[in-house]
N, C-alpha and C. Protein backbone atom coordinates (compact mmCIF):
# COMPACT_ATOMS: atom_id res chain seq x y z
N UNK A 1 -3.77 66.29 34.43
CA UNK A 1 -5.15 66.12 34.01
C UNK A 1 -4.32 65.24 32.13
N UNK A 2 -3.72 65.93 31.69
CA UNK A 2 -3.01 65.54 30.23
C UNK A 2 -2.86 64.06 30.65
N UNK A 3 -1.66 63.66 31.69
CA UNK A 3 -1.64 62.38 31.98
C UNK A 3 -2.59 61.29 31.76
N UNK A 4 -4.20 61.77 32.54
CA UNK A 4 -4.83 60.80 32.81
C UNK A 4 -5.63 60.72 31.66
N UNK A 5 -5.71 61.81 30.48
CA UNK A 5 -6.26 61.59 29.44
C UNK A 5 -5.68 60.76 28.59
N UNK A 6 -4.70 60.82 28.59
CA UNK A 6 -3.55 59.32 27.50
C UNK A 6 -3.94 58.28 28.18
N UNK A 7 -3.85 58.54 29.09
CA UNK A 7 -3.60 56.83 30.16
C UNK A 7 -5.14 56.02 29.66
N UNK A 8 -6.48 56.74 29.40
CA UNK A 8 -7.25 56.16 28.88
C UNK A 8 -7.44 55.42 27.68
N UNK A 9 -6.68 56.46 26.50
CA UNK A 9 -7.03 55.62 24.96
C UNK A 9 -5.57 54.73 25.01
N UNK A 10 -4.88 54.79 25.92
CA UNK A 10 -3.83 53.95 25.79
C UNK A 10 -4.35 52.52 26.37
N UNK A 11 -4.76 52.47 27.58
CA UNK A 11 -5.42 51.14 28.29
C UNK A 11 -6.53 50.59 27.15
N UNK A 12 -6.92 51.15 26.53
CA UNK A 12 -7.92 50.54 25.71
C UNK A 12 -7.30 50.45 24.42
N UNK A 13 -5.83 51.07 23.22
CA UNK A 13 -4.94 50.71 22.52
C UNK A 13 -4.67 49.23 23.06
N UNK A 14 -4.31 49.02 24.24
CA UNK A 14 -3.34 48.23 24.99
C UNK A 14 -4.46 46.67 24.76
N UNK A 15 -5.66 47.12 25.05
CA UNK A 15 -6.50 45.80 25.66
C UNK A 15 -7.16 45.63 24.31
N UNK A 16 -7.11 46.31 23.38
CA UNK A 16 -7.48 46.06 22.00
C UNK A 16 -6.48 45.17 21.17
N UNK A 17 -5.09 45.81 21.53
CA UNK A 17 -3.94 44.75 20.97
C UNK A 17 -4.08 43.54 21.16
N UNK A 18 -4.26 43.47 22.54
CA UNK A 18 -3.94 42.19 23.39
C UNK A 18 -5.21 41.15 22.68
N UNK A 19 -6.41 41.86 22.28
CA UNK A 19 -7.36 41.13 21.89
C UNK A 19 -6.95 40.56 20.48
N UNK A 20 -6.29 41.88 19.92
CA UNK A 20 -6.60 41.03 18.35
C UNK A 20 -4.95 40.21 18.11
N UNK A 21 -4.13 40.64 19.13
CA UNK A 21 -3.49 39.33 19.04
C UNK A 21 -3.25 38.03 19.42
N UNK A 22 -4.22 38.04 20.12
CA UNK A 22 -4.48 36.39 21.00
C UNK A 22 -5.43 36.02 19.82
N UNK A 23 -6.12 36.56 19.32
CA UNK A 23 -7.02 36.41 18.03
C UNK A 23 -6.27 35.62 16.78
N UNK A 24 -5.04 36.39 16.63
CA UNK A 24 -4.05 36.13 15.52
C UNK A 24 -2.92 34.97 16.23
N UNK A 25 -3.24 34.76 16.97
CA UNK A 25 -2.25 33.85 17.76
C UNK A 25 -2.82 32.32 17.64
N UNK A 26 -3.86 32.01 17.68
CA UNK A 26 -4.69 31.10 17.81
C UNK A 26 -4.72 30.43 16.30
N UNK A 27 -4.83 29.31 15.99
CA UNK A 27 -4.86 28.44 14.89
C UNK A 27 -5.86 28.91 13.92
N UNK A 28 -5.76 28.74 12.83
CA UNK A 28 -6.85 29.51 11.58
C UNK A 28 -7.77 28.42 11.67
N UNK A 29 -8.70 28.59 11.21
CA UNK A 29 -10.04 27.83 10.56
C UNK A 29 -9.18 26.32 9.90
N UNK A 30 -8.43 26.74 8.77
CA UNK A 30 -7.77 25.63 8.30
C UNK A 30 -6.68 25.02 8.82
N UNK A 31 -6.03 25.27 9.83
CA UNK A 31 -5.43 24.71 11.01
C UNK A 31 -6.54 23.83 11.26
N UNK A 32 -7.22 24.37 11.97
CA UNK A 32 -8.51 23.64 13.10
C UNK A 32 -8.95 22.25 12.14
N UNK A 33 -9.12 22.40 11.23
CA UNK A 33 -9.58 21.34 10.00
C UNK A 33 -8.42 20.12 9.60
N UNK A 34 -7.37 21.05 9.42
CA UNK A 34 -6.33 19.88 9.47
C UNK A 34 -6.14 19.01 11.01
N UNK A 35 -6.04 19.52 12.11
CA UNK A 35 -5.93 18.72 13.26
C UNK A 35 -7.24 17.95 13.26
N UNK A 36 -8.87 18.59 12.84
CA UNK A 36 -9.27 17.71 13.34
C UNK A 36 -8.92 16.51 12.14
N UNK A 37 -8.71 16.43 11.09
CA UNK A 37 -8.78 15.44 9.95
C UNK A 37 -7.57 14.49 10.01
N UNK A 38 -6.45 14.89 10.97
CA UNK A 38 -5.25 14.39 11.21
C UNK A 38 -5.73 13.23 12.80
N UNK A 39 -6.62 14.21 13.23
CA UNK A 39 -7.19 12.96 14.95
C UNK A 39 -7.93 11.94 14.35
N UNK A 40 -9.02 12.22 13.17
CA UNK A 40 -9.89 10.66 12.57
C UNK A 40 -8.77 10.38 11.85
N UNK A 41 -8.45 10.54 10.96
CA UNK A 41 -7.41 9.71 9.71
C UNK A 41 -6.38 9.08 10.50
N UNK A 42 -5.92 9.76 12.05
CA UNK A 42 -4.55 9.29 12.48
C UNK A 42 -4.78 8.21 13.30
N UNK A 43 -6.14 7.97 13.91
CA UNK A 43 -6.64 6.82 14.64
C UNK A 43 -6.86 5.74 13.40
N UNK A 44 -6.83 5.40 12.09
CA UNK A 44 -7.11 4.14 11.54
C UNK A 44 -6.28 3.29 11.33
N UNK A 45 -5.92 2.59 12.47
CA UNK A 45 -5.13 1.44 12.57
C UNK A 45 -5.48 0.12 13.42
N UNK A 46 -4.78 -0.82 12.70
CA UNK A 46 -4.98 -2.12 13.11
C UNK A 46 -4.32 -2.46 14.93
N UNK A 47 -3.69 -1.44 14.88
CA UNK A 47 -3.57 -0.90 16.74
C UNK A 47 -4.65 -0.73 17.73
N UNK A 48 -5.71 -0.20 17.12
CA UNK A 48 -7.13 0.78 17.33
C UNK A 48 -7.83 -0.52 17.65
N UNK A 49 -7.69 -0.37 19.19
CA UNK A 49 -8.64 -1.61 19.69
C UNK A 49 -10.36 -1.63 19.34
N UNK A 50 -10.93 0.04 19.56
CA UNK A 50 -11.78 0.41 19.24
C UNK A 50 -12.40 -0.28 17.35
N UNK A 51 -11.45 0.16 16.86
CA UNK A 51 -11.70 -0.05 15.25
C UNK A 51 -11.85 -1.23 15.06
N UNK A 52 -10.81 -2.22 15.58
CA UNK A 52 -11.07 -3.50 15.68
C UNK A 52 -11.68 -4.27 16.19
N UNK A 53 -12.87 -3.83 17.49
CA UNK A 53 -13.99 -4.40 17.78
C UNK A 53 -15.30 -3.82 17.27
N UNK A 54 -14.93 -2.62 16.11
CA UNK A 54 -16.19 -2.34 15.65
C UNK A 54 -16.09 -2.98 14.24
N UNK A 55 -15.14 -3.45 13.76
CA UNK A 55 -15.16 -4.45 12.79
C UNK A 55 -15.54 -5.86 13.03
N UNK A 56 -15.60 -6.53 13.83
CA UNK A 56 -15.98 -7.37 14.68
C UNK A 56 -17.24 -7.26 14.75
N UNK A 57 -17.66 -6.17 15.19
CA UNK A 57 -18.99 -6.09 15.60
C UNK A 57 -20.10 -5.79 14.10
N UNK A 58 -19.12 -5.32 13.24
CA UNK A 58 -19.93 -5.00 11.90
C UNK A 58 -20.39 -6.62 10.88
N UNK A 59 -19.60 -7.34 11.56
CA UNK A 59 -19.64 -8.65 10.64
C UNK A 59 -20.16 -9.24 11.11
N UNK A 60 -20.63 -9.11 12.27
CA UNK A 60 -22.00 -10.07 12.52
C UNK A 60 -21.93 -10.96 12.97
N UNK A 61 -20.58 -11.93 13.39
CA UNK A 61 -20.05 -13.27 13.53
C UNK A 61 -19.13 -13.82 12.09
N UNK A 62 -19.65 -12.69 11.43
CA UNK A 62 -18.85 -13.82 9.91
C UNK A 62 -17.56 -14.23 10.25
N UNK A 63 -16.86 -12.93 10.68
CA UNK A 63 -15.19 -13.31 11.04
C UNK A 63 -15.23 -14.78 11.84
N UNK A 64 -15.69 -14.69 13.05
CA UNK A 64 -15.61 -15.97 13.83
C UNK A 64 -16.22 -17.22 12.93
N UNK A 65 -17.55 -17.01 12.19
CA UNK A 65 -17.83 -18.06 11.40
C UNK A 65 -16.75 -18.92 10.34
N UNK A 66 -16.25 -17.84 9.93
CA UNK A 66 -14.96 -18.34 8.92
C UNK A 66 -13.97 -18.15 9.94
N UNK A 67 -13.85 -18.58 11.41
CA UNK A 67 -12.24 -18.65 11.66
C UNK A 67 -11.13 -17.85 11.20
N UNK A 68 -11.89 -16.20 11.20
CA UNK A 68 -10.72 -15.35 11.23
C UNK A 68 -10.84 -14.91 12.27
N UNK A 69 -9.49 -14.37 12.54
CA UNK A 69 -9.33 -13.50 13.65
C UNK A 69 -9.37 -12.28 13.33
N UNK A 70 -10.21 -11.39 13.82
CA UNK A 70 -10.27 -9.93 13.83
C UNK A 70 -9.33 -8.92 13.10
N UNK A 71 -8.44 -9.67 14.65
CA UNK A 71 -6.88 -8.42 14.60
C UNK A 71 -6.12 -9.12 13.07
N UNK A 72 -6.17 -10.21 12.55
CA UNK A 72 -5.00 -10.42 11.51
C UNK A 72 -5.95 -9.85 10.58
N UNK A 73 -7.37 -9.80 10.38
CA UNK A 73 -7.84 -9.24 9.45
C UNK A 73 -7.73 -7.96 9.12
N UNK A 74 -7.99 -7.16 10.14
CA UNK A 74 -7.94 -5.60 10.06
C UNK A 74 -6.34 -5.37 9.79
N UNK A 75 -5.19 -6.35 10.17
CA UNK A 75 -3.90 -5.91 9.81
C UNK A 75 -3.65 -6.44 8.41
N UNK A 76 -3.99 -7.19 7.81
CA UNK A 76 -4.34 -7.81 6.45
C UNK A 76 -4.94 -6.22 5.40
N UNK A 77 -6.15 -5.96 6.24
CA UNK A 77 -6.71 -4.71 4.94
C UNK A 77 -6.16 -3.58 5.49
N UNK A 78 -5.48 -3.29 6.59
CA UNK A 78 -5.18 -2.28 6.72
C UNK A 78 -3.73 -1.96 6.11
N UNK A 79 -3.06 -2.96 5.78
CA UNK A 79 -1.83 -3.03 5.13
C UNK A 79 -1.67 -1.95 3.96
N UNK A 80 -0.55 -1.05 4.40
CA UNK A 80 -0.72 -0.04 3.07
C UNK A 80 -1.63 0.96 3.13
N UNK A 81 -2.44 1.33 4.12
CA UNK A 81 -3.34 2.35 4.17
C UNK A 81 -2.43 3.29 4.48
N UNK A 82 -2.34 4.64 3.83
CA UNK A 82 -1.55 6.29 3.92
C UNK A 82 -2.80 7.07 3.72
N UNK A 83 -2.86 8.44 4.33
CA UNK A 83 -3.50 9.66 3.78
C UNK A 83 -2.82 10.82 3.58
N UNK A 84 -2.88 11.55 2.87
CA UNK A 84 -2.73 13.07 3.05
C UNK A 84 -3.60 14.00 2.77
N UNK A 85 -3.39 15.38 3.96
CA UNK A 85 -4.39 15.79 3.65
C UNK A 85 -4.09 17.27 2.64
N UNK A 86 -4.70 16.59 1.34
CA UNK A 86 -4.05 17.60 0.30
C UNK A 86 -4.42 19.57 0.57
N UNK A 87 -5.76 19.48 0.34
CA UNK A 87 -6.05 20.52 0.24
C UNK A 87 -7.23 20.99 1.78
N UNK A 88 -7.67 22.03 1.57
CA UNK A 88 -8.57 22.77 2.63
C UNK A 88 -8.75 24.14 2.21
N UNK A 89 -10.12 24.06 1.70
CA UNK A 89 -10.40 25.73 1.13
C UNK A 89 -11.36 26.21 2.26
N UNK A 90 -11.57 27.53 3.02
CA UNK A 90 -12.28 28.22 3.61
C UNK A 90 -12.70 29.26 3.25
N UNK A 91 -13.99 29.33 3.02
CA UNK A 91 -14.84 30.47 3.19
C UNK A 91 -15.44 30.66 4.48
N UNK A 92 -14.76 31.66 5.33
CA UNK A 92 -15.19 32.25 6.60
C UNK A 92 -16.30 33.07 6.19
N UNK A 93 -16.53 33.71 5.39
CA UNK A 93 -18.00 34.61 5.20
C UNK A 93 -18.98 33.78 5.28
N UNK A 94 -19.08 32.40 3.96
CA UNK A 94 -20.23 32.08 4.25
C UNK A 94 -19.92 30.67 5.26
N UNK A 95 -19.06 30.59 6.17
CA UNK A 95 -19.02 29.58 7.14
C UNK A 95 -19.09 28.17 6.60
N UNK A 96 -18.57 28.10 5.32
CA UNK A 96 -18.21 26.57 4.85
C UNK A 96 -16.36 26.43 4.54
N UNK A 97 -16.50 25.16 4.18
CA UNK A 97 -14.55 24.90 4.19
C UNK A 97 -15.38 23.34 3.79
N UNK A 98 -14.19 23.17 2.58
CA UNK A 98 -13.61 21.80 1.83
C UNK A 98 -12.42 21.18 2.21
N UNK A 99 -12.06 19.93 2.30
CA UNK A 99 -11.13 19.17 2.44
C UNK A 99 -10.92 18.46 1.72
N UNK A 100 -9.80 18.06 1.18
CA UNK A 100 -9.55 16.86 0.24
C UNK A 100 -8.50 16.21 0.63
N UNK A 101 -8.76 14.77 1.06
CA UNK A 101 -7.90 13.80 1.41
C UNK A 101 -7.20 12.96 0.63
N UNK A 102 -6.66 12.85 0.30
CA UNK A 102 -5.96 11.42 -0.32
C UNK A 102 -5.72 10.08 0.54
N UNK A 103 -6.71 9.62 0.15
CA UNK A 103 -6.55 8.16 1.21
C UNK A 103 -6.06 7.24 -0.06
N UNK A 104 -5.20 6.43 0.65
CA UNK A 104 -5.11 5.17 -0.21
C UNK A 104 -5.15 3.37 0.69
N UNK A 105 -5.95 3.15 0.14
CA UNK A 105 -6.17 1.97 0.85
C UNK A 105 -7.01 0.78 0.13
N UNK A 106 -7.00 -0.87 0.73
CA UNK A 106 -7.72 -1.70 -0.41
C UNK A 106 -9.25 -1.72 -0.58
N UNK A 107 -9.35 -1.78 -1.37
CA UNK A 107 -10.88 -1.59 -1.84
C UNK A 107 -11.73 -2.56 -1.03
N UNK A 108 -12.71 -2.86 -0.42
CA UNK A 108 -13.94 -3.78 -0.23
C UNK A 108 -14.35 -4.62 -1.48
N UNK A 109 -14.74 -3.51 -2.18
CA UNK A 109 -15.50 -4.19 -3.39
C UNK A 109 -14.27 -5.28 -3.98
N UNK A 110 -13.12 -4.83 -4.48
CA UNK A 110 -12.23 -5.78 -4.99
C UNK A 110 -11.68 -6.95 -4.32
N UNK A 111 -11.91 -7.14 -2.88
CA UNK A 111 -11.16 -8.05 -2.05
C UNK A 111 -12.71 -9.07 -2.38
N UNK A 112 -14.05 -8.53 -2.17
CA UNK A 112 -14.71 -9.35 -2.34
C UNK A 112 -15.10 -10.12 -3.54
N UNK A 113 -15.32 -9.38 -4.86
CA UNK A 113 -15.02 -9.70 -5.83
C UNK A 113 -14.04 -10.63 -6.16
N UNK A 114 -12.93 -10.68 -5.92
CA UNK A 114 -12.04 -11.82 -6.14
C UNK A 114 -12.11 -12.84 -4.96
N UNK A 115 -12.91 -12.51 -3.78
CA UNK A 115 -13.05 -13.65 -3.29
C UNK A 115 -14.08 -14.53 -3.49
N UNK A 116 -14.98 -13.79 -4.24
CA UNK A 116 -16.01 -14.63 -4.43
C UNK A 116 -15.29 -15.73 -5.61
N UNK A 117 -14.60 -15.14 -6.98
CA UNK A 117 -14.16 -15.63 -7.88
C UNK A 117 -13.60 -16.81 -7.43
N UNK A 118 -12.31 -16.49 -6.36
CA UNK A 118 -11.74 -17.39 -6.33
C UNK A 118 -12.65 -18.97 -4.95
N UNK A 119 -13.44 -18.52 -4.72
CA UNK A 119 -14.25 -19.14 -3.88
C UNK A 119 -15.30 -20.22 -4.55
N UNK A 120 -15.60 -19.37 -5.65
CA UNK A 120 -16.43 -20.08 -6.61
C UNK A 120 -15.70 -21.37 -7.63
N UNK A 121 -14.51 -20.86 -7.80
CA UNK A 121 -13.46 -21.71 -8.66
C UNK A 121 -13.05 -22.87 -7.68
N UNK A 122 -12.74 -22.66 -6.37
CA UNK A 122 -12.38 -23.68 -5.25
C UNK A 122 -13.78 -24.90 -5.63
N UNK A 123 -14.86 -24.20 -5.38
CA UNK A 123 -16.15 -24.87 -5.17
C UNK A 123 -16.28 -25.83 -6.41
N UNK A 124 -15.98 -25.32 -7.31
CA UNK A 124 -16.50 -25.96 -8.31
C UNK A 124 -15.68 -27.15 -9.05
N UNK A 125 -14.39 -26.64 -8.43
CA UNK A 125 -13.21 -28.14 -8.79
C UNK A 125 -13.39 -29.42 -7.91
N UNK A 126 -13.82 -28.77 -6.75
CA UNK A 126 -14.76 -30.30 -5.40
C UNK A 126 -15.11 -31.34 -6.33
N UNK A 127 -14.40 -32.28 -5.18
CA UNK A 127 -15.04 -33.92 -5.99
C UNK A 127 -16.10 -33.85 -5.28
N UNK A 128 -17.14 -34.38 -6.62
CA UNK A 128 -18.79 -34.19 -6.08
C UNK A 128 -19.11 -35.38 -5.03
N UNK A 129 -18.45 -36.42 -5.20
CA UNK A 129 -18.38 -37.63 -4.15
C UNK A 129 -17.82 -37.60 -2.61
N UNK A 130 -17.15 -36.55 -2.64
CA UNK A 130 -16.55 -35.96 -1.10
C UNK A 130 -16.62 -34.78 -1.37
N UNK A 131 -17.51 -34.31 -1.05
CA UNK A 131 -18.18 -33.01 -0.49
C UNK A 131 -17.70 -32.64 0.73
N UNK A 132 -16.80 -31.17 1.21
CA UNK A 132 -16.79 -31.02 2.62
C UNK A 132 -17.89 -30.92 3.11
N UNK A 133 -17.39 -30.84 4.80
CA UNK A 133 -18.62 -30.50 5.66
C UNK A 133 -18.72 -29.01 5.35
N UNK A 134 -19.94 -28.32 5.77
CA UNK A 134 -20.04 -27.03 6.53
C UNK A 134 -19.28 -26.13 6.87
N UNK A 135 -18.47 -27.03 8.10
CA UNK A 135 -17.40 -26.21 8.89
C UNK A 135 -15.85 -25.93 8.14
N UNK A 136 -15.96 -27.17 7.30
CA UNK A 136 -14.82 -27.42 6.21
C UNK A 136 -14.74 -26.06 4.85
N UNK A 137 -16.15 -25.89 4.73
CA UNK A 137 -16.31 -25.14 3.56
C UNK A 137 -15.84 -23.46 4.03
N UNK A 138 -16.74 -23.39 5.57
CA UNK A 138 -16.37 -21.77 6.13
C UNK A 138 -15.04 -21.75 6.32
N UNK A 139 -14.38 -22.73 6.81
CA UNK A 139 -12.72 -22.17 7.11
C UNK A 139 -12.57 -22.14 6.16
N UNK A 140 -12.27 -23.18 4.64
CA UNK A 140 -11.29 -22.77 3.45
C UNK A 140 -12.39 -21.35 2.92
N UNK A 141 -13.39 -21.13 3.32
CA UNK A 141 -13.70 -19.59 3.18
C UNK A 141 -13.07 -18.28 3.85
N UNK A 142 -13.02 -18.65 4.70
CA UNK A 142 -11.80 -17.70 5.94
C UNK A 142 -10.57 -17.84 4.94
N UNK A 143 -10.21 -19.07 5.01
CA UNK A 143 -8.41 -19.12 4.36
C UNK A 143 -8.40 -18.47 3.26
N UNK A 144 -9.79 -18.28 2.14
CA UNK A 144 -9.58 -17.77 0.95
C UNK A 144 -9.40 -16.00 1.04
N UNK A 145 -10.29 -15.84 1.91
CA UNK A 145 -10.52 -14.54 2.32
C UNK A 145 -9.31 -13.60 3.01
N UNK A 146 -8.50 -14.22 3.62
CA UNK A 146 -7.32 -13.80 3.97
C UNK A 146 -6.35 -13.72 3.05
N UNK A 147 -6.26 -14.80 2.14
CA UNK A 147 -5.27 -14.79 1.63
C UNK A 147 -5.64 -13.36 0.38
N UNK A 148 -6.73 -13.20 -0.12
CA UNK A 148 -7.18 -12.47 -0.85
C UNK A 148 -6.70 -11.14 -0.32
N UNK A 149 -7.40 -10.82 1.02
CA UNK A 149 -6.86 -9.63 1.56
C UNK A 149 -5.65 -9.45 1.59
N UNK A 150 -4.93 -9.89 1.97
CA UNK A 150 -3.06 -9.86 2.48
C UNK A 150 -2.72 -9.43 0.71
N UNK A 151 -3.36 -10.14 -0.30
CA UNK A 151 -2.81 -9.88 -1.29
C UNK A 151 -3.11 -8.90 -2.58
N UNK A 152 -4.36 -8.33 -1.99
CA UNK A 152 -4.93 -7.24 -2.37
C UNK A 152 -4.08 -5.92 -2.72
N UNK A 153 -4.30 -5.23 -3.29
CA UNK A 153 -3.37 -3.86 -3.61
C UNK A 153 -3.99 -2.39 -3.04
N UNK A 154 -3.52 -1.54 -2.50
CA UNK A 154 -4.31 -0.52 -2.02
C UNK A 154 -4.44 0.77 -3.27
N UNK A 155 -5.48 0.90 -3.23
CA UNK A 155 -5.59 2.20 -4.60
C UNK A 155 -6.01 3.55 -3.58
N UNK A 156 -5.43 4.53 -4.90
CA UNK A 156 -5.49 6.02 -3.90
C UNK A 156 -6.70 6.54 -4.39
N UNK A 157 -7.64 7.51 -3.60
CA UNK A 157 -9.05 8.01 -3.72
C UNK A 157 -8.74 9.47 -3.21
N UNK A 158 -9.50 10.28 -3.36
CA UNK A 158 -9.96 11.39 -3.03
C UNK A 158 -10.86 11.49 -1.98
N UNK A 159 -10.89 11.89 -1.28
CA UNK A 159 -12.20 11.75 -0.15
C UNK A 159 -12.23 13.61 0.30
N UNK A 160 -13.90 13.72 0.06
CA UNK A 160 -14.14 15.17 0.16
C UNK A 160 -14.46 15.11 1.03
N UNK A 161 -14.67 15.90 2.21
CA UNK A 161 -15.50 16.41 3.37
C UNK A 161 -15.36 17.57 3.77
N UNK A 162 -16.62 18.10 3.39
CA UNK A 162 -17.30 19.62 4.06
C UNK A 162 -17.69 19.91 5.17
N UNK A 163 -17.20 20.93 5.61
CA UNK A 163 -17.40 21.63 7.26
C UNK A 163 -18.13 22.63 6.88
N UNK A 164 -18.73 23.03 8.13
CA UNK A 164 -19.56 24.19 8.36
C UNK A 164 -19.06 24.32 10.14
N UNK A 165 -19.65 26.19 9.70
CA UNK A 165 -19.73 26.66 11.23
C UNK A 165 -20.91 26.56 11.66
N UNK A 166 -20.79 26.28 13.01
CA UNK A 166 -22.19 25.99 13.66
C UNK A 166 -22.75 27.19 14.26
N UNK A 167 -23.59 27.71 15.26
CA UNK A 167 -24.32 28.72 15.32
C UNK A 167 -23.49 29.07 16.76
N UNK A 168 -22.61 28.45 17.00
CA UNK A 168 -21.60 28.99 18.42
C UNK A 168 -20.36 28.98 17.96
N UNK A 169 -20.19 28.74 16.54
CA UNK A 169 -18.83 29.31 15.68
C UNK A 169 -17.96 28.12 15.35
N UNK A 170 -18.31 26.91 15.98
CA UNK A 170 -17.17 25.63 15.98
C UNK A 170 -17.47 25.23 14.60
N UNK A 171 -16.68 24.79 14.02
CA UNK A 171 -16.72 24.24 12.73
C UNK A 171 -16.39 22.93 12.84
N UNK A 172 -17.48 22.29 12.23
CA UNK A 172 -17.57 20.70 12.13
C UNK A 172 -18.00 19.96 10.78
N UNK A 173 -17.13 18.98 10.66
CA UNK A 173 -17.81 18.01 9.40
C UNK A 173 -19.10 17.82 8.82
N UNK A 174 -19.55 17.71 7.86
CA UNK A 174 -20.44 17.30 6.89
C UNK A 174 -21.26 15.96 7.68
N UNK A 175 -22.49 15.88 8.16
CA UNK A 175 -23.10 14.62 8.38
C UNK A 175 -22.58 13.64 7.01
N UNK A 176 -22.02 13.88 5.94
CA UNK A 176 -21.85 13.00 4.89
C UNK A 176 -20.65 12.70 4.82
N UNK A 177 -19.70 13.06 5.84
CA UNK A 177 -18.43 13.06 5.94
C UNK A 177 -18.29 11.39 5.81
N UNK A 178 -19.17 10.69 6.96
CA UNK A 178 -18.51 9.43 7.11
C UNK A 178 -19.14 8.74 5.96
N UNK A 179 -19.81 8.75 5.10
CA UNK A 179 -20.19 8.26 3.54
C UNK A 179 -19.19 8.55 2.93
N UNK A 180 -18.30 9.47 2.59
CA UNK A 180 -17.62 9.77 1.74
C UNK A 180 -16.33 9.37 1.72
N UNK A 181 -16.09 9.12 3.39
CA UNK A 181 -14.95 7.63 3.93
C UNK A 181 -15.34 6.36 3.19
N UNK A 182 -16.86 5.90 3.47
CA UNK A 182 -17.19 4.96 3.16
C UNK A 182 -16.44 4.71 1.63
N UNK A 183 -17.09 5.65 0.98
CA UNK A 183 -17.19 5.48 -1.12
C UNK A 183 -15.82 5.10 -0.98
N UNK A 184 -14.68 5.89 -0.36
CA UNK A 184 -13.31 5.93 -0.58
C UNK A 184 -12.87 4.05 -0.21
N UNK A 185 -13.63 3.50 0.87
CA UNK A 185 -13.32 2.44 1.08
C UNK A 185 -13.95 1.32 -0.07
N UNK A 186 -14.78 1.54 -0.88
CA UNK A 186 -15.25 0.58 -1.57
C UNK A 186 -14.46 0.74 -2.55
């Protein structure tokens, strides 16, 4: 009888230990968030066909009109892109977390400002008696944009991404995460 009495608590202890150990063995919330960020930022590359296609679509035909190959632009723009997941702070009790990612990339604003300046300078220097055709204007614009993009220096900025645990216990980036990344690009 004593053997059966001790067998039940031992089975319960074994089951509890197994459950606790398996919970301890899984990745922490911080590790899950780091994996999510690594997955998202690790995809940013000129080799990512979906990214290049999205760039092409978002340009609404501007690249084509300027005679720019989207792949070439992506390679120039993303040259020097780096990221480092700096810190992840987790408040499991309140179901929130914040991640800071240091991103080094070229600024779209800087590129467009320099492009406008150089294109305007080129236009002002044209001989008024021999104005270029519309196609020549677009071609020169594309040439200048590519030169400016290649010459642009990447800048470092912090991207702060908030996470929250949903009702099912899954940690997800907040809806404004894309906006935080866009801000870093500008």
